[in-house]
Every structure is written in structure tokens, then in C-alpha cells.
PDB file of N, CA and C in Angstrom:
ATOM      1  N   UNK A   1       1.011 -21.472  -6.731  1.00  0.00           N
ATOM      2  CA  UNK A   1       1.061 -20.500  -7.005  1.00  0.00           C
ATOM      3  C   UNK A   1       0.828 -19.622  -5.839  1.00  0.00           C
ATOM      4  N   UNK A   2      -0.623 -19.814  -5.827  1.00  0.00           N
ATOM      5  CA  UNK A   2      -1.177 -19.003  -4.978  1.00  0.00           C
ATOM      6  C   UNK A   2      -0.551 -19.056  -3.284  1.00  0.00           C
ATOM      7  N   UNK A   3      -0.020 -20.307  -3.158  1.00  0.00           N
ATOM      8  CA  UNK A   3       0.696 -20.275  -1.773  1.00  0.00           C
ATOM      9  C   UNK A   3       1.628 -19.155  -1.771  1.00  0.00           C
ATOM     10  N   UNK A   4       2.247 -19.387  -3.022  1.00  0.00           N
ATOM     11  CA  UNK A   4       3.764 -18.501  -3.357  1.00  0.00           C
ATOM     12  C   UNK A   4       3.543 -16.999  -3.045  1.00  0.00           C
ATOM     13  N   UNK A   5       2.182 -16.734  -3.976  1.00  0.00           N
ATOM     14  CA  UNK A   5       2.165 -15.175  -3.706  1.00  0.00           C
ATOM     15  C   UNK A   5       1.449 -14.840  -2.340  1.00  0.00           C
ATOM     16  N   UNK A   6       1.052 -15.536  -1.589  1.00  0.00           N
ATOM     17  CA  UNK A   6       0.209 -15.539  -0.240  1.00  0.00           C
ATOM     18  C   UNK A   6       1.614 -15.181   0.659  1.00  0.00           C
ATOM     19  N   UNK A   7       2.479 -16.550   0.595  1.00  0.00           N
ATOM     20  CA  UNK A   7       3.772 -16.192   1.590  1.00  0.00           C
ATOM     21  C   UNK A   7       4.542 -15.018   0.965  1.00  0.00           C
ATOM     22  N   UNK A   8       5.078 -14.542  -0.180  1.00  0.00           N
ATOM     23  CA  UNK A   8       5.366 -13.317  -0.819  1.00  0.00           C
ATOM     24  C   UNK A   8       4.775 -12.023   0.065  1.00  0.00           C
ATOM     25  N   UNK A   9       3.696 -12.116  -0.043  1.00  0.00           N
ATOM     26  CA  UNK A   9       2.760 -10.975   0.662  1.00  0.00           C
ATOM     27  C   UNK A   9       2.700 -11.282   2.263  1.00  0.00           C
ATOM     28  N   UNK A  10       2.931 -12.188   2.551  1.00  0.00           N
ATOM     29  CA  UNK A  10       3.311 -12.053   4.324  1.00  0.00           C
ATOM     30  C   UNK A  10       4.547 -11.644   4.418  1.00  0.00           C
ATOM     31  N   UNK A  11       5.314 -11.944   3.579  1.00  0.00           N
ATOM     32  CA  UNK A  11       6.832 -11.487   3.810  1.00  0.00           C
ATOM     33  C   UNK A  11       6.690 -10.581   3.741  1.00  0.00           C
ATOM     34  N   UNK A  12       6.494  -9.634   2.557  1.00  0.00           N
ATOM     35  CA  UNK A  12       6.633  -8.251   2.479  1.00  0.00           C
ATOM     36  C   UNK A  12       5.984  -7.335   3.569  1.00  0.00           C
ATOM     37  N   UNK A  13       5.003  -7.556   4.061  1.00  0.00           N
ATOM     38  CA  UNK A  13       4.146  -7.177   4.930  1.00  0.00           C
ATOM     39  C   UNK A  13       5.027  -7.329   6.720  1.00  0.00           C
ATOM     40  N   UNK A  14       5.638  -8.358   6.584  1.00  0.00           N
ATOM     41  CA  UNK A  14       6.242  -8.340   7.795  1.00  0.00           C
ATOM     42  C   UNK A  14       7.442  -7.376   7.770  1.00  0.00           C
ATOM     43  N   UNK A  15       7.976  -7.471   6.576  1.00  0.00           N
ATOM     44  CA  UNK A  15       9.612  -6.231   6.246  1.00  0.00           C
ATOM     45  C   UNK A  15       9.042  -5.180   6.841  1.00  0.00           C
ATOM     46  N   UNK A  16       7.732  -4.674   6.008  1.00  0.00           N
ATOM     47  CA  UNK A  16       7.225  -3.535   6.084  1.00  0.00           C
ATOM     48  C   UNK A  16       6.846  -2.942   7.236  1.00  0.00           C
ATOM     49  N   UNK A  17       6.254  -3.699   7.923  1.00  0.00           N
ATOM     50  CA  UNK A  17       6.153  -3.070   9.876  1.00  0.00           C
ATOM     51  C   UNK A  17       7.382  -3.404  10.170  1.00  0.00           C
ATOM     52  N   UNK A  18       8.363  -3.807   9.927  1.00  0.00           N
ATOM     53  CA  UNK A  18       9.804  -3.711  11.081  1.00  0.00           C
ATOM     54  C   UNK A  18      10.154  -2.494  10.071  1.00  0.00           C
ATOM     55  N   UNK A  19      10.037  -2.286   8.985  1.00  0.00           N
ATOM     56  CA  UNK A  19      10.691  -1.136   8.351  1.00  0.00           C
ATOM     57  C   UNK A  19       9.686   0.361   8.820  1.00  0.00           C
ATOM     58  N   UNK A  20       8.555   0.239   9.457  1.00  0.00           N
ATOM     59  CA  UNK A  20       7.956   1.461   9.437  1.00  0.00           C
ATOM     60  C   UNK A  20       8.225   1.797  10.863  1.00  0.00           C
ATOM     61  N   UNK A  21       9.147   0.957  11.584  1.00  0.00           N
ATOM     62  CA  UNK A  21       9.047   1.622  12.844  1.00  0.00           C
ATOM     63  C   UNK A  21      10.853   2.031  13.247  1.00  0.00           C
ATOM     64  N   UNK A  22      11.264   2.276  12.023  1.00  0.00           N
ATOM     65  CA  UNK A  22      12.745   2.293  12.153  1.00  0.00           C
ATOM     66  C   UNK A  22      13.084   3.879  11.533  1.00  0.00           C
ATOM     67  N   UNK A  23      11.892   4.916  11.390  1.00  0.00           N
ATOM     68  CA  UNK A  23      12.340   6.140  11.530  1.00  0.00           C
ATOM     69  C   UNK A  23      11.507   6.706  10.268  1.00  0.00           C
ATOM     70  N   UNK A  24      11.525   8.248   9.525  1.00  0.00           N
ATOM     71  CA  UNK A  24      10.738   8.320   8.544  1.00  0.00           C
ATOM     72  C   UNK A  24      11.059   8.006   7.191  1.00  0.00           C
ATOM     73  N   UNK A  25      12.691   8.066   6.770  1.00  0.00           N
ATOM     74  CA  UNK A  25      12.966   7.285   5.370  1.00  0.00           C
ATOM     75  C   UNK A  25      12.355   5.812   5.561  1.00  0.00           C
ATOM     76  N   UNK A  26      12.737   5.067   6.687  1.00  0.00           N
ATOM     77  CA  UNK A  26      12.229   3.506   6.118  1.00  0.00           C
ATOM     78  C   UNK A  26      10.419   3.869   5.988  1.00  0.00           C
ATOM     79  N   UNK A  27      10.089   4.642   6.989  1.00  0.00           N
ATOM     80  CA  UNK A  27       8.535   4.925   6.733  1.00  0.00           C
ATOM     81  C   UNK A  27       8.244   5.001   5.103  1.00  0.00           C
ATOM     82  N   UNK A  28       8.609   5.688   4.651  1.00  0.00           N
ATOM     83  CA  UNK A  28       8.436   6.002   3.314  1.00  0.00           C
ATOM     84  C   UNK A  28       8.741   5.007   2.416  1.00  0.00           C
ATOM     85  N   UNK A  29       9.706   4.650   2.795  1.00  0.00           N
ATOM     86  CA  UNK A  29      10.371   3.059   1.973  1.00  0.00           C
ATOM     87  C   UNK A  29       9.302   1.842   1.994  1.00  0.00           C
ATOM     88  N   UNK A  30       8.756   1.921   3.300  1.00  0.00           N
ATOM     89  CA  UNK A  30       7.862   0.797   3.715  1.00  0.00           C
ATOM     90  C   UNK A  30       6.828   0.944   3.054  1.00  0.00           C
ATOM     91  N   UNK A  31       6.167   2.082   2.985  1.00  0.00           N
ATOM     92  CA  UNK A  31       4.804   2.628   2.155  1.00  0.00           C
ATOM     93  C   UNK A  31       4.983   2.194   1.060  1.00  0.00           C
ATOM     94  N   UNK A  32       5.993   2.847   0.408  1.00  0.00           N
ATOM     95  CA  UNK A  32       6.372   2.656  -1.190  1.00  0.00           C
ATOM     96  C   UNK A  32       6.196   1.166  -1.682  1.00  0.00           C
ATOM     97  N   UNK A  33       6.921   0.628  -0.572  1.00  0.00           N
ATOM     98  CA  UNK A  33       7.406  -1.275  -1.021  1.00  0.00           C
ATOM     99  C   UNK A  33       5.767  -1.821  -0.702  1.00  0.00           C
ATOM    100  N   UNK A  34       4.879  -1.504   0.211  1.00  0.00           N
ATOM    101  CA  UNK A  34       3.668  -1.610   0.618  1.00  0.00           C
ATOM    102  C   UNK A  34       2.583  -1.390  -0.496  1.00  0.00           C
ATOM    103  N   UNK A  35       2.281  -0.243  -0.912  1.00  0.00           N
ATOM    104  CA  UNK A  35       1.703   0.185  -1.973  1.00  0.00           C
ATOM    105  C   UNK A  35       1.731  -0.570  -3.361  1.00  0.00           C
ATOM    106  N   UNK A  36       2.832  -0.705  -3.634  1.00  0.00           N
ATOM    107  CA  UNK A  36       3.270  -0.926  -4.683  1.00  0.00           C
ATOM    108  C   UNK A  36       3.180  -2.336  -4.881  1.00  0.00           C
ATOM    109  N   UNK A  37       3.221  -3.156  -3.782  1.00  0.00           N
ATOM    110  CA  UNK A  37       3.609  -4.748  -4.006  1.00  0.00           C
ATOM    111  C   UNK A  37       1.786  -5.251  -3.868  1.00  0.00           C
ATOM    112  N   UNK A  38       1.330  -4.434  -3.530  1.00  0.00           N
ATOM    113  CA  UNK A  38      -0.139  -5.041  -2.918  1.00  0.00           C
ATOM    114  C   UNK A  38      -1.333  -4.275  -3.817  1.00  0.00           C
ATOM    115  N   UNK A  39      -1.306  -2.553  -4.553  1.00  0.00           N
ATOM    116  CA  UNK A  39      -1.760  -2.462  -5.209  1.00  0.00           C
ATOM    117  C   UNK A  39      -1.643  -2.615  -6.704  1.00  0.00           C
ATOM    118  N   UNK A  40      -0.340  -2.712  -6.967  1.00  0.00           N
ATOM    119  CA  UNK A  40      -0.322  -2.982  -8.567  1.00  0.00           C
ATOM    120  C   UNK A  40      -0.147  -4.384  -8.911  1.00  0.00           C
ATOM    121  N   UNK A  41      -0.612  -5.415  -7.940  1.00  0.00           N
ATOM    122  CA  UNK A  41      -1.125  -6.310  -8.497  1.00  0.00           C
ATOM    123  C   UNK A  41      -2.218  -6.967  -9.177  1.00  0.00           C
ATOM    124  N   UNK A  42      -3.053  -5.760  -9.012  1.00  0.00           N
ATOM    125  CA  UNK A  42      -4.340  -5.454  -9.741  1.00  0.00           C
ATOM    126  C   UNK A  42      -4.423  -4.407 -10.648  1.00  0.00           C
ATOM    127  N   UNK A  43      -3.788  -3.361 -10.534  1.00  0.00           N
ATOM    128  CA  UNK A  43      -3.834  -2.158 -11.182  1.00  0.00           C
ATOM    129  C   UNK A  43      -2.488  -1.695 -11.683  1.00  0.00           C
ATOM    130  N   UNK A  44      -2.434  -1.023 -12.881  1.00  0.00           N
ATOM    131  CA  UNK A  44      -1.211  -0.819 -13.211  1.00  0.00           C
ATOM    132  C   UNK A  44      -0.893   0.732 -11.950  1.00  0.00           C
ATOM    133  N   UNK A  45       0.614   0.920 -12.244  1.00  0.00           N
ATOM    134  CA  UNK A  45       1.030   2.035 -11.452  1.00  0.00           C
ATOM    135  C   UNK A  45       0.265   3.452 -12.048  1.00  0.00           C
ATOM    136  N   UNK A  46       0.109   4.055 -13.006  1.00  0.00           N
ATOM    137  CA  UNK A  46      -0.360   4.786 -14.058  1.00  0.00           C
ATOM    138  C   UNK A  46      -1.899   4.838 -13.146  1.00  0.00           C
ATOM    139  N   UNK A  47      -2.692   3.922 -13.233  1.00  0.00           N
ATOM    140  CA  UNK A  47      -4.102   4.309 -12.793  1.00  0.00           C
ATOM    141  C   UNK A  47      -3.681   4.638 -11.102  1.00  0.00           C
ATOM    142  N   UNK A  48      -3.086   3.904 -10.150  1.00  0.00           N
ATOM    143  CA  UNK A  48      -3.055   4.149  -9.140  1.00  0.00           C
ATOM    144  C   UNK A  48      -2.508   5.557  -9.379  1.00  0.00           C
ATOM    145  N   UNK A  49      -1.689   5.979  -9.620  1.00  0.00           N
ATOM    146  CA  UNK A  49      -1.381   7.308  -9.796  1.00  0.00           C
ATOM    147  C   UNK A  49      -2.514   8.494  -9.629  1.00  0.00           C
ATOM    148  N   UNK A  50      -2.921   8.219 -10.852  1.00  0.00           N
ATOM    149  CA  UNK A  50      -4.279   8.833 -11.207  1.00  0.00           C
ATOM    150  C   UNK A  50      -5.062   9.463 -10.098  1.00  0.00           C
ATOM    151  N   UNK A  51      -5.286   8.279  -9.355  1.00  0.00           N
ATOM    152  CA  UNK A  51      -6.312   8.147  -8.011  1.00  0.00           C
ATOM    153  C   UNK A  51      -5.686   9.051  -7.095  1.00  0.00           C
ATOM    154  N   UNK A  52      -4.426   8.890  -6.813  1.00  0.00           N
ATOM    155  CA  UNK A  52      -4.098   9.485  -5.775  1.00  0.00           C
ATOM    156  C   UNK A  52      -3.948  11.213  -5.569  1.00  0.00           C
ATOM    157  N   UNK A  53      -4.514  11.469  -6.543  1.00  0.00           N
ATOM    158  CA  UNK A  53      -4.826  12.968  -6.789  1.00  0.00           C
ATOM    159  C   UNK A  53      -6.128  13.574  -5.984  1.00  0.00           C
ATOM    160  N   UNK A  54      -6.929  11.845  -5.838  1.00  0.00           N
ATOM    161  CA  UNK A  54      -8.535  12.690  -5.152  1.00  0.00           C
ATOM    162  C   UNK A  54      -8.045  13.316  -3.832  1.00  0.00           C
ATOM    163  N   UNK A  55      -9.294  14.543  -3.920  1.00  0.00           N
ATOM    164  CA  UNK A  55      -9.015  15.337  -2.460  1.00  0.00           C
ATOM    165  C   UNK A  55     -10.153  14.257  -1.718  1.00  0.00           C
ATOM    166  N   UNK A  56     -10.127  14.328  -0.346  1.00  0.00           N
ATOM    167  CA  UNK A  56     -10.904  14.047   0.683  1.00  0.00           C
ATOM    168  C   UNK A  56     -11.405  12.537   0.354  1.00  0.00           C
ATOM    169  N   UNK A  57     -10.587  11.716  -0.468  1.00  0.00           N
ATOM    170  CA  UNK A  57     -10.879  10.359  -0.632  1.00  0.00           C
ATOM    171  C   UNK A  57     -11.185   9.327   0.641  1.00  0.00           C
ATOM    172  N   UNK A  58     -11.916   8.847   0.575  1.00  0.00           N
ATOM    173  CA  UNK A  58     -12.460   7.738   1.423  1.00  0.00           C
ATOM    174  C   UNK A  58     -11.388   6.735   1.725  1.00  0.00           C
ATOM    175  N   UNK A  59     -10.311   6.738   1.741  1.00  0.00           N
ATOM    176  CA  UNK A  59      -9.211   5.494   1.826  1.00  0.00           C
ATOM    177  C   UNK A  59      -9.757   4.281   2.419  1.00  0.00           C
ATOM    178  N   UNK A  60     -10.218   4.524   3.625  1.00  0.00           N
ATOM    179  CA  UNK A  60     -10.461   3.165   4.340  1.00  0.00           C
ATOM    180  C   UNK A  60     -11.817   2.478   3.356  1.00  0.00           C
ATOM    181  N   UNK A  61     -12.647   3.175   3.226  1.00  0.00           N
ATOM    182  CA  UNK A  61     -13.411   2.424   2.294  1.00  0.00           C
ATOM    183  C   UNK A  61     -13.155   1.910   1.148  1.00  0.00           C
ATOM    184  N   UNK A  62     -12.528   2.804   0.073  1.00  0.00           N
ATOM    185  CA  UNK A  62     -11.641   2.333  -1.074  1.00  0.00           C
ATOM    186  C   UNK A  62     -10.744   0.874  -0.898  1.00  0.00           C
ATOM    187  N   UNK A  63      -9.956   1.035  -0.012  1.00  0.00           N
ATOM    188  CA  UNK A  63      -8.694   0.054   0.592  1.00  0.00           C
ATOM    189  C   UNK A  63      -9.696  -1.228   0.873  1.00  0.00           C
ATOM    190  N   UNK A  64     -10.773  -1.068   1.907  1.00  0.00           N
ATOM    191  CA  UNK A  64     -11.547  -2.150   2.057  1.00  0.00           C
ATOM    192  C   UNK A  64     -12.157  -2.903   0.869  1.00  0.00           C
ATOM    193  N   UNK A  65     -12.732  -2.249  -0.109  1.00  0.00           N
ATOM    194  CA  UNK A  65     -13.479  -3.025  -1.207  1.00  0.00           C
ATOM    195  C   UNK A  65     -12.170  -3.197  -1.717  1.00  0.00           C
ATOM    196  N   UNK A  66     -11.291  -3.047  -2.354  1.00  0.00           N
ATOM    197  CA  UNK A  66     -10.415  -3.342  -3.419  1.00  0.00           C
ATOM    198  C   UNK A  66      -9.331  -4.609  -2.209  1.00  0.00           C
ATOM    199  N   UNK A  67      -9.051  -4.330  -0.988  1.00  0.00           N
ATOM    200  CA  UNK A  67      -9.031  -5.256  -0.253  1.00  0.00           C
ATOM    201  C   UNK A  67      -9.673  -6.747  -0.246  1.00  0.00           C
ATOM    202  N   UNK A  68     -10.880  -6.868  -0.321  1.00  0.00           N
ATOM    203  CA  UNK A  68     -11.766  -7.905  -0.629  1.00  0.00           C
ATOM    204  C   UNK A  68     -11.604  -8.389  -1.874  1.00  0.00           C
ATOM    205  N   UNK A  69     -11.521  -7.549  -3.066  1.00  0.00           N
ATOM    206  CA  UNK A  69     -11.260  -8.224  -4.311  1.00  0.00           C
ATOM    207  C   UNK A  69     -10.133  -8.631  -4.372  1.00  0.00           C
ATOM    208  N   UNK A  70      -9.117  -8.397  -3.873  1.00  0.00           N
ATOM    209  CA  UNK A  70      -7.340  -8.816  -3.614  1.00  0.00           C
ATOM    210  C   UNK A  70      -7.066  -9.668  -2.818  1.00  0.00           C
ATOM    211  N   UNK A  71      -8.060  -9.887  -1.847  1.00  0.00           N
ATOM    212  CA  UNK A  71      -7.841 -11.072  -1.075  1.00  0.00           C
ATOM    213  C   UNK A  71      -6.786 -10.712   0.326  1.00  0.00           C
ATOM    214  N   UNK A  72      -6.573  -9.302   0.062  1.00  0.00           N
ATOM    215  CA  UNK A  72      -5.702  -8.805   1.340  1.00  0.00           C
ATOM    216  C   UNK A  72      -6.265  -8.859   2.629  1.00  0.00           C
ATOM    217  N   UNK A  73      -4.581  -9.185   3.598  1.00  0.00           N
ATOM    218  CA  UNK A  73      -5.569  -9.481   4.853  1.00  0.00           C
ATOM    219  C   UNK A  73      -5.820  -8.022   5.638  1.00  0.00           C
ATOM    220  N   UNK A  74      -6.450  -7.806   6.848  1.00  0.00           N
ATOM    221  CA  UNK A  74      -6.838  -6.776   7.519  1.00  0.00           C
ATOM    222  C   UNK A  74      -5.655  -5.957   7.647  1.00  0.00           C
ATOM    223  N   UNK A  75      -4.606  -6.840   8.243  1.00  0.00           N
ATOM    224  CA  UNK A  75      -3.175  -6.005   8.322  1.00  0.00           C
ATOM    225  C   UNK A  75      -2.394  -5.223   7.389  1.00  0.00           C
ATOM    226  N   UNK A  76      -2.528  -5.946   5.966  1.00  0.00           N
ATOM    227  CA  UNK A  76      -2.130  -5.271   4.488  1.00  0.00           C
ATOM    228  C   UNK A  76      -3.130  -3.847   4.527  1.00  0.00           C
ATOM    229  N   UNK A  77      -4.379  -4.207   4.437  1.00  0.00           N
ATOM    230  CA  UNK A  77      -5.398  -3.445   4.360  1.00  0.00           C
ATOM    231  C   UNK A  77      -5.299  -1.981   4.905  1.00  0.00           C
ATOM    232  N   UNK A  78      -4.853  -2.114   6.262  1.00  0.00           N
ATOM    233  CA  UNK A  78      -4.649  -1.022   7.600  1.00  0.00           C
ATOM    234  C   UNK A  78      -3.514  -0.404   7.531  1.00  0.00           C
ATOM    235  N   UNK A  79      -2.097  -1.160   6.952  1.00  0.00           N
ATOM    236  CA  UNK A  79      -1.091  -0.529   6.402  1.00  0.00           C
ATOM    237  C   UNK A  79      -1.316   0.116   5.438  1.00  0.00           C
ATOM    238  N   UNK A  80      -1.702  -0.019   3.925  1.00  0.00           N
ATOM    239  CA  UNK A  80      -2.292   0.722   2.978  1.00  0.00           C
ATOM    240  C   UNK A  80      -2.855   1.682   3.727  1.00  0.00           C
ATOM    241  N   UNK A  81      -3.929   2.259   4.229  1.00  0.00           N
ATOM    242  CA  UNK A  81      -4.478   3.252   4.653  1.00  0.00           C
ATOM    243  C   UNK A  81      -3.732   4.074   5.266  1.00  0.00           C
ATOM    244  N   UNK A  82      -3.103   3.584   6.255  1.00  0.00           N
ATOM    245  CA  UNK A  82      -2.288   4.476   7.515  1.00  0.00           C
ATOM    246  C   UNK A  82      -1.175   5.243   6.306  1.00  0.00           C
ATOM    247  N   UNK A  83      -0.617   4.512   4.713  1.00  0.00           N
ATOM    248  CA  UNK A  83       0.397   5.087   4.107  1.00  0.00           C
ATOM    249  C   UNK A  83      -0.430   6.157   3.599  1.00  0.00           C
ATOM    250  N   UNK A  84      -1.535   5.917   3.072  1.00  0.00           N
ATOM    251  CA  UNK A  84      -2.449   6.909   2.343  1.00  0.00           C
ATOM    252  C   UNK A  84      -2.866   8.264   3.048  1.00  0.00           C
ATOM    253  N   UNK A  85      -3.133   8.156   4.247  1.00  0.00           N
ATOM    254  CA  UNK A  85      -3.792   8.993   5.145  1.00  0.00           C
ATOM    255  C   UNK A  85      -2.523   9.948   6.082  1.00  0.00           C
ATOM    256  N   UNK A  86      -1.371   9.268   6.146  1.00  0.00           N
ATOM    257  CA  UNK A  86      -0.521  10.115   6.915  1.00  0.00           C
ATOM    258  C   UNK A  86       0.765  10.425   6.265  1.00  0.00           C
ATOM    259  N   UNK A  87       0.949   9.888   4.890  1.00  0.00           N
ATOM    260  CA  UNK A  87       2.011  10.265   4.437  1.00  0.00           C
ATOM    261  C   UNK A  87       1.715  11.891   3.732  1.00  0.00           C
ATOM    262  N   UNK A  88       2.402  12.817   3.410  1.00  0.00           N
ATOM    263  CA  UNK A  88       2.253  13.957   3.359  1.00  0.00           C
ATOM    264  C   UNK A  88       1.821  14.154   1.855  1.00  0.00           C
ATOM    265  N   UNK A  89       2.661  13.335   0.807  1.00  0.00           N
ATOM    266  CA  UNK A  89       2.566  13.211  -0.560  1.00  0.00           C
ATOM    267  C   UNK A  89       2.453  11.933  -1.149  1.00  0.00           C
ATOM    268  N   UNK A  90       1.509  11.081  -0.925  1.00  0.00           N
ATOM    269  CA  UNK A  90       1.478   9.780  -1.410  1.00  0.00           C
ATOM    270  C   UNK A  90       1.671   9.320  -2.781  1.00  0.00           C
ATOM    271  N   UNK A  91       1.138  10.804  -3.576  1.00  0.00           N
ATOM    272  CA  UNK A  91       1.788  10.097  -5.157  1.00  0.00           C
ATOM    273  C   UNK A  91       3.153  10.523  -5.189  1.00  0.00           C
ATOM    274  N   UNK A  92       3.739  11.190  -4.587  1.00  0.00           N
ATOM    275  CA  UNK A  92       5.442  11.341  -4.603  1.00  0.00           C
ATOM    276  C   UNK A  92       5.958  10.163  -4.464  1.00  0.00           C
ATOM    277  N   UNK A  93       5.460   9.672  -3.016  1.00  0.00           N
ATOM    278  CA  UNK A  93       6.006   8.455  -2.775  1.00  0.00           C
ATOM    279  C   UNK A  93       6.249   7.548  -3.555  1.00  0.00           C
ATOM    280  N   UNK A  94       4.944   7.225  -4.229  1.00  0.00           N
ATOM    281  CA  UNK A  94       4.323   6.023  -4.865  1.00  0.00           C
ATOM    282  C   UNK A  94       4.797   6.221  -6.140  1.00  0.00           C
ATOM    283  N   UNK A  95       4.452   7.364  -6.845  1.00  0.00           N
ATOM    284  CA  UNK A  95       4.910   7.468  -8.134  1.00  0.00           C
ATOM    285  C   UNK A  95       6.035   8.264  -8.529  1.00  0.00           C
ATOM    286  N   UNK A  96       6.566   8.989  -7.567  1.00  0.00           N
ATOM    287  CA  UNK A  96       7.931   9.824  -7.892  1.00  0.00           C
ATOM    288  C   UNK A  96       7.218  10.814  -8.673  1.00  0.00           C
ATOM    289  N   UNK A  97       6.298  11.801  -8.406  1.00  0.00           N
ATOM    290  CA  UNK A  97       5.947  12.862  -8.961  1.00  0.00           C
ATOM    291  C   UNK A  97       5.795  13.979  -7.825  1.00  0.00           C
TER     292      UNK A  97
END
């Protein structure tokens, strides 16, 4: 089961990286998929959406801590941080708000 989850995460990451380079719409879609696939594994979407309102959050530190607990690769962590820090409205992107 664990190998299947790891394979799924790697596959999703590969698709996300490919989609990130194909334009703004694909970037938003790739970020949405990455955040939902990796963050909702441990947290409910509601909890994540509430945290996305934080001003000046140190996402790199937060994601590193969560990535260690969730056993996320450095590439996935970097993608999540990039999505949270370069997307204009991450809450709207992930939560539809």
C-alpha cells in the first residue's frame, strides 16, 4: 500500500511539473492538484483553507515541517512552497473562495 502511495505521489508530481511549464492555466491547475494531493493527505481541505489566510506566513518553514511529517520529497515541498508564494490567491486556487 505504501509503495502504491509513493508511486502515485511521484506520478502526480511528474504530471504537475510538466503542467507547470505550459502556461498560466496549467500552472494554476498543477498547483491545485499538487496542494490538494499532498496537503489533504493529512489535513482536511477546510483546515488548509483556513490557514491560507495567514499574512506573512513562513511557508518554506511550515511546508518543511509538514513535509517531514508526511514524508514528502524535497521536490514536492519546493513545488508546494512555490505554489503558495507565487500564486496571487492560493486560497481561491485551492479552496475556490
